[in-house]
Protein backbone atom coordinates (compact mmCIF):
# COMPACT_ATOMS: atom_id res chain seq x y z
CA PRO A 1 0.39 0.13 0.02
CA ASN A 2 1.22 4.03 -0.85
CA PRO A 3 1.96 5.06 2.82
CA ASN A 4 0.76 9.01 1.47
CA SER A 5 -2.32 7.04 1.05
CA TYR A 6 -5.41 7.45 2.79
CA ASP A 7 -8.79 6.55 3.02
CA LEU A 8 -11.27 9.17 4.63
CA SER A 9 -14.08 9.05 6.42
CA ASP A 10 -16.62 9.45 3.57
CA GLY A 11 -14.74 6.77 2.01
CA THR A 12 -12.86 8.43 -0.49
CA LYS A 13 -9.37 8.20 -1.02
CA PHE A 14 -6.57 11.04 -0.61
CA THR A 15 -3.16 10.40 -1.82
CA MET A 16 -0.87 13.09 -1.20
CA ASN A 17 2.68 13.72 -1.86
CA PHE A 18 4.36 16.21 0.98
CA ARG A 19 6.04 17.71 -1.52
CA ASP A 20 3.18 18.16 -3.01
CA LEU A 21 2.12 21.18 -0.77
CA LEU A 22 5.42 23.64 -1.08
CA ILE A 23 4.25 25.32 -3.86
CA ALA A 24 6.49 28.57 -5.49
CA PRO A 25 5.25 31.64 -5.79
CA GLU A 26 4.57 32.65 -9.29
CA ASP A 27 7.05 33.47 -11.06
CA TYR A 28 9.12 32.15 -8.57
CA ARG A 29 11.07 28.39 -8.43
CA ILE A 30 11.81 26.53 -5.26
CA ILE A 31 16.35 25.71 -4.98
CA GLY A 32 18.22 23.99 -2.21
CA PHE A 33 21.16 23.15 -0.92
CA ASP A 34 22.46 20.26 1.03
CA TYR A 35 25.74 19.40 2.89
CA SER A 36 27.50 16.22 1.37
CA GLN A 37 27.42 14.05 4.72
CA VAL A 38 27.86 16.80 6.78
CA GLU A 39 27.99 14.59 10.38
CA LEU A 40 30.27 12.14 8.88
CA ARG A 41 32.67 15.59 8.36
CA VAL A 42 32.06 17.08 11.55
CA MET A 43 33.12 13.64 13.20
CA ALA A 44 35.95 13.38 11.55
CA GLY A 45 37.30 17.51 12.09
CA LEU A 46 36.47 16.42 15.55
CA ALA A 47 38.48 13.59 16.69
CA GLN A 48 41.36 14.43 14.18
CA GLU A 49 40.75 10.93 11.90
CA HIS A 50 42.64 11.26 9.43
CA ALA A 51 42.18 8.56 7.44
CA MET A 52 38.52 9.66 7.39
CA LEU A 53 40.04 13.62 6.76
CA SER A 54 42.07 12.07 4.03
CA ALA A 55 39.14 10.52 2.23
CA PHE A 56 36.65 13.72 2.20
CA ASN A 57 40.09 16.07 2.00
CA SER A 58 41.11 14.02 -1.76
CA GLY A 59 37.55 13.79 -3.01
CA GLU A 60 37.26 10.23 -2.13
CA ASP A 61 33.99 8.38 -2.30
CA ILE A 62 33.76 8.60 1.93
CA HIS A 63 31.51 4.51 1.82
CA LYS A 64 33.82 3.16 -0.33
CA ALA A 65 36.84 4.76 1.84
CA THR A 66 35.59 3.33 4.83
CA ALA A 67 34.92 -0.05 3.67
CA SER A 68 38.58 -0.05 1.80
CA ALA A 69 39.66 1.06 5.64
CA MET A 70 37.69 -1.05 7.53
CA MET A 71 38.73 -4.84 5.61
CA GLY A 72 42.15 -3.82 4.35
CA ILE A 73 41.54 -3.91 1.03
CA PRO A 74 42.19 -0.89 -1.69
CA LEU A 75 40.21 1.03 -3.32
CA SER A 76 39.84 -0.83 -6.63
CA GLU A 77 38.50 -3.59 -4.68
CA VAL A 78 35.74 -2.21 -2.89
CA THR A 79 32.43 -4.39 -4.51
CA LYS A 80 28.88 -2.59 -4.94
CA LYS A 81 27.73 -5.22 -1.28
CA LEU A 82 30.76 -4.01 0.99
CA ARG A 83 30.49 0.11 0.15
CA ALA A 84 26.80 -0.84 1.65
CA ILE A 85 28.19 -1.99 4.53
CA GLY A 86 30.78 1.13 4.70
CA LYS A 87 27.80 3.42 4.05
CA THR A 88 25.81 1.71 6.64
CA LEU A 89 28.79 2.07 9.53
CA ASN A 90 28.88 5.26 8.22
CA PHE A 91 25.55 5.99 9.73
CA ALA A 92 25.08 3.72 12.66
CA ILE A 93 27.88 4.94 13.92
CA THR A 94 26.96 9.18 13.92
CA TYR A 95 23.38 8.37 14.43
CA GLY A 96 24.55 6.48 17.27
CA SER A 97 23.30 3.34 16.63
CA GLY A 98 24.25 0.33 17.94
CA ALA A 99 25.11 -3.72 17.08
CA GLU A 100 21.79 -4.95 17.37
CA ASN A 101 20.37 -1.67 14.99
CA ILE A 102 23.17 -2.24 12.44
CA ALA A 103 22.37 -5.70 11.97
CA GLU A 104 18.90 -5.40 11.29
CA MET A 105 20.30 -2.08 8.61
CA LEU A 106 21.83 -4.89 7.41
CA THR A 107 20.04 -7.38 6.92
CA SER A 108 18.39 -8.77 3.87
CA PRO A 109 15.84 -11.84 2.92
CA ASP A 110 18.90 -13.68 1.18
CA ASN A 111 21.46 -12.00 3.71
CA PRO A 112 20.02 -12.34 7.45
CA VAL A 113 22.96 -10.66 9.46
CA THR A 114 23.15 -11.64 12.96
CA THR A 115 24.23 -9.52 15.71
CA GLU A 116 27.31 -11.16 16.50
CA ASP A 117 28.27 -10.23 12.60
CA ALA A 118 27.37 -7.03 13.36
CA GLU A 119 29.57 -6.74 16.49
CA GLU A 120 32.54 -7.74 14.18
CA LEU A 121 31.75 -5.25 11.59
CA LEU A 122 32.00 -2.50 14.32
CA LYS A 123 35.02 -3.37 15.61
CA LYS A 124 36.58 -3.39 12.24
CA TYR A 125 35.30 -0.10 11.78
CA TYR A 126 36.60 1.37 14.84
CA GLN A 127 40.42 -0.59 13.64
CA GLY A 128 40.37 0.93 10.25
CA PHE A 129 39.32 4.37 12.19
CA PRO A 130 40.91 4.37 15.33
CA ALA A 131 41.02 7.92 16.31
CA LEU A 132 37.54 7.91 16.48
CA THR A 133 37.39 5.27 19.87
CA GLY A 134 39.35 7.67 21.80
CA TRP A 135 37.43 10.60 20.58
CA MET A 136 34.46 9.00 22.01
CA GLU A 137 35.06 7.55 25.19
CA SER A 138 36.60 11.38 26.06
CA LYS A 139 33.09 12.25 24.91
CA LYS A 140 31.28 10.03 27.28
CA VAL A 141 34.01 10.11 30.41
CA GLN A 142 32.83 14.19 30.48
CA GLY A 143 29.67 13.24 29.79
CA ARG A 144 29.68 11.26 32.44
CA GLU A 145 31.50 13.61 34.77
CA GLN A 146 29.31 17.16 33.77
CA LYS A 147 26.48 15.71 32.92
CA TYR A 148 26.74 17.73 29.79
CA VAL A 149 28.87 17.90 26.19
CA GLU A 150 29.30 20.59 24.26
CA THR A 151 28.76 21.03 20.76
CA PRO A 152 31.98 22.23 18.90
CA PHE A 153 30.25 25.75 18.42
CA GLY A 154 30.10 25.71 22.99
CA ARG A 155 26.51 25.01 22.85
CA HIS A 156 26.11 22.64 25.72
CA PHE A 157 23.73 19.87 25.64
CA THR A 158 22.18 18.28 28.99
CA VAL A 159 22.49 14.81 29.17
CA TRP A 160 19.40 13.90 31.33
CA GLU A 161 19.95 9.77 30.85
CA PHE A 162 22.72 10.43 33.48
CA ILE A 163 20.51 12.82 35.67
CA GLN A 164 17.50 10.21 35.75
CA ALA A 165 20.83 7.73 36.14
CA SER A 166 21.62 8.83 39.58
CA GLN A 167 18.30 8.54 41.27
CA PRO A 168 17.49 5.66 43.29
CA LYS A 169 13.90 5.38 42.14
CA ASN A 170 15.61 4.35 38.63
CA HIS A 171 17.88 2.04 39.74
CA LEU A 172 16.34 -0.93 38.18
CA PHE A 173 16.89 0.72 35.01
CA SER A 174 19.66 2.43 35.43
CA ARG A 175 21.96 0.47 33.00
CA LYS A 176 20.21 0.71 30.38
CA LEU A 177 20.36 4.60 30.89
CA MET A 178 23.74 5.14 31.15
CA SER A 179 24.07 3.24 27.84
CA LYS A 180 21.85 5.62 26.05
CA GLY A 181 23.49 8.64 27.24
CA ASP A 182 26.92 7.24 26.39
CA ARG A 183 25.09 7.66 22.29
CA MET A 184 24.07 10.96 23.00
CA CYS A 185 27.40 12.38 23.96
CA VAL A 186 28.17 11.73 20.93
CA ASN A 187 25.62 11.74 19.17
CA ALA A 188 24.25 15.24 20.51
CA VAL A 189 28.26 16.51 19.48
CA VAL A 190 27.54 16.19 16.01
CA GLN A 191 23.97 16.42 15.24
CA GLY A 192 24.48 19.59 17.69
CA GLY A 193 27.71 20.53 15.63
CA ALA A 194 25.72 19.44 12.37
CA ALA A 195 22.91 21.86 13.18
CA ASP A 196 25.25 24.23 14.62
CA ILE A 197 26.82 24.76 11.39
CA ILE A 198 23.69 24.66 9.60
CA LYS A 199 22.85 28.21 11.54
CA SER A 200 25.61 29.17 10.82
CA SER A 201 25.14 29.16 7.44
CA MET A 202 21.96 30.89 7.41
CA VAL A 203 22.93 33.34 8.57
CA LYS A 204 25.90 34.01 6.13
CA ALA A 205 23.86 32.99 3.11
CA GLN A 206 21.25 36.30 4.08
CA HIS A 207 24.57 38.84 4.25
CA ALA A 208 25.09 37.19 0.96
CA ILE A 209 22.00 37.73 -0.56
CA LYS A 210 21.81 40.81 1.00
CA LYS A 211 25.43 41.83 -0.43
CA ALA A 212 24.33 41.50 -4.13
CA GLY A 213 21.32 43.05 -3.81
CA LEU A 214 19.39 40.73 -4.18
CA GLU A 215 16.70 40.36 -1.22
CA ASP A 216 13.73 40.64 -3.50
CA LYS A 217 14.80 38.03 -6.07
CA ILE A 218 15.88 34.96 -3.52
CA ARG A 219 15.09 34.09 0.01
CA ILE A 220 15.60 31.91 2.55
CA ILE A 221 12.10 29.43 3.24
CA MET A 222 12.57 27.01 5.26
CA THR A 223 15.67 24.61 6.29
CA ILE A 224 15.33 20.12 5.75
CA HIS A 225 17.93 18.76 8.62
CA ASP A 226 21.30 19.51 6.31
CA ALA A 227 20.08 21.63 3.70
CA LEU A 228 18.86 25.09 2.34
CA GLU A 229 16.01 25.92 0.48
CA PHE A 230 15.19 29.55 -1.23
CA TYR A 231 12.11 30.90 -3.49
CA VAL A 232 13.92 31.72 -6.16
CA HIS A 233 12.48 34.81 -9.35
CA LYS A 234 13.11 33.07 -12.63
CA SER A 235 15.73 36.27 -13.84
CA ILE A 236 17.95 34.56 -11.52
CA SER A 237 19.77 31.51 -12.34
CA THR A 238 20.82 28.45 -10.29
CA GLN A 239 24.28 29.62 -11.02
CA GLU A 240 23.95 32.52 -9.46
CA VAL A 241 22.28 31.31 -6.19
């Protein structure tokens, strides 16, 4: 069934694509610009993980580079399947997923992946990018001591799980809370850092539009995660934007 299709109370069927609700004013169009792997770049920079930074700086496919580092093979030997594993691990790490979730993401009808398999892949991932482990552990220690972590721009993120775990009434759930708190110590810094960059970019973009004297032709209308979206008058080329 179409997930965007709805049966209404009068018996009719309504099909909606959310994008269809976003309509530019007359003589305008919508243009969006998004960052490429912004969370991975934030994490690589904060951890100073040189193998990952080198891949970004040289313009390599980061998911292929990840698979290459994990498996200890040349880039030329990375297959489509290995690249998919590298991509899954990259997103899993930045979003704080554990072995169980990774196993679910990699499992297909003809290729089941166990939690043990996923744990082995995680081990290979951290072997390929050793600086990440030290940085992540330092964030967890910092979070447990302070009960908060900071984004690269100094914004505080309170790790409520650590505060909850310290309360006597939650002693039965303390291990689970602490585990989630550890993940948040990394996730909040990476995701929060990416969010800060987008906010900074909104300000910079608005200054650039004003400097170009195009405030009546280009308007920031919203952000979508790591993208900035604009209304652009038909008289302005995409390249100029």
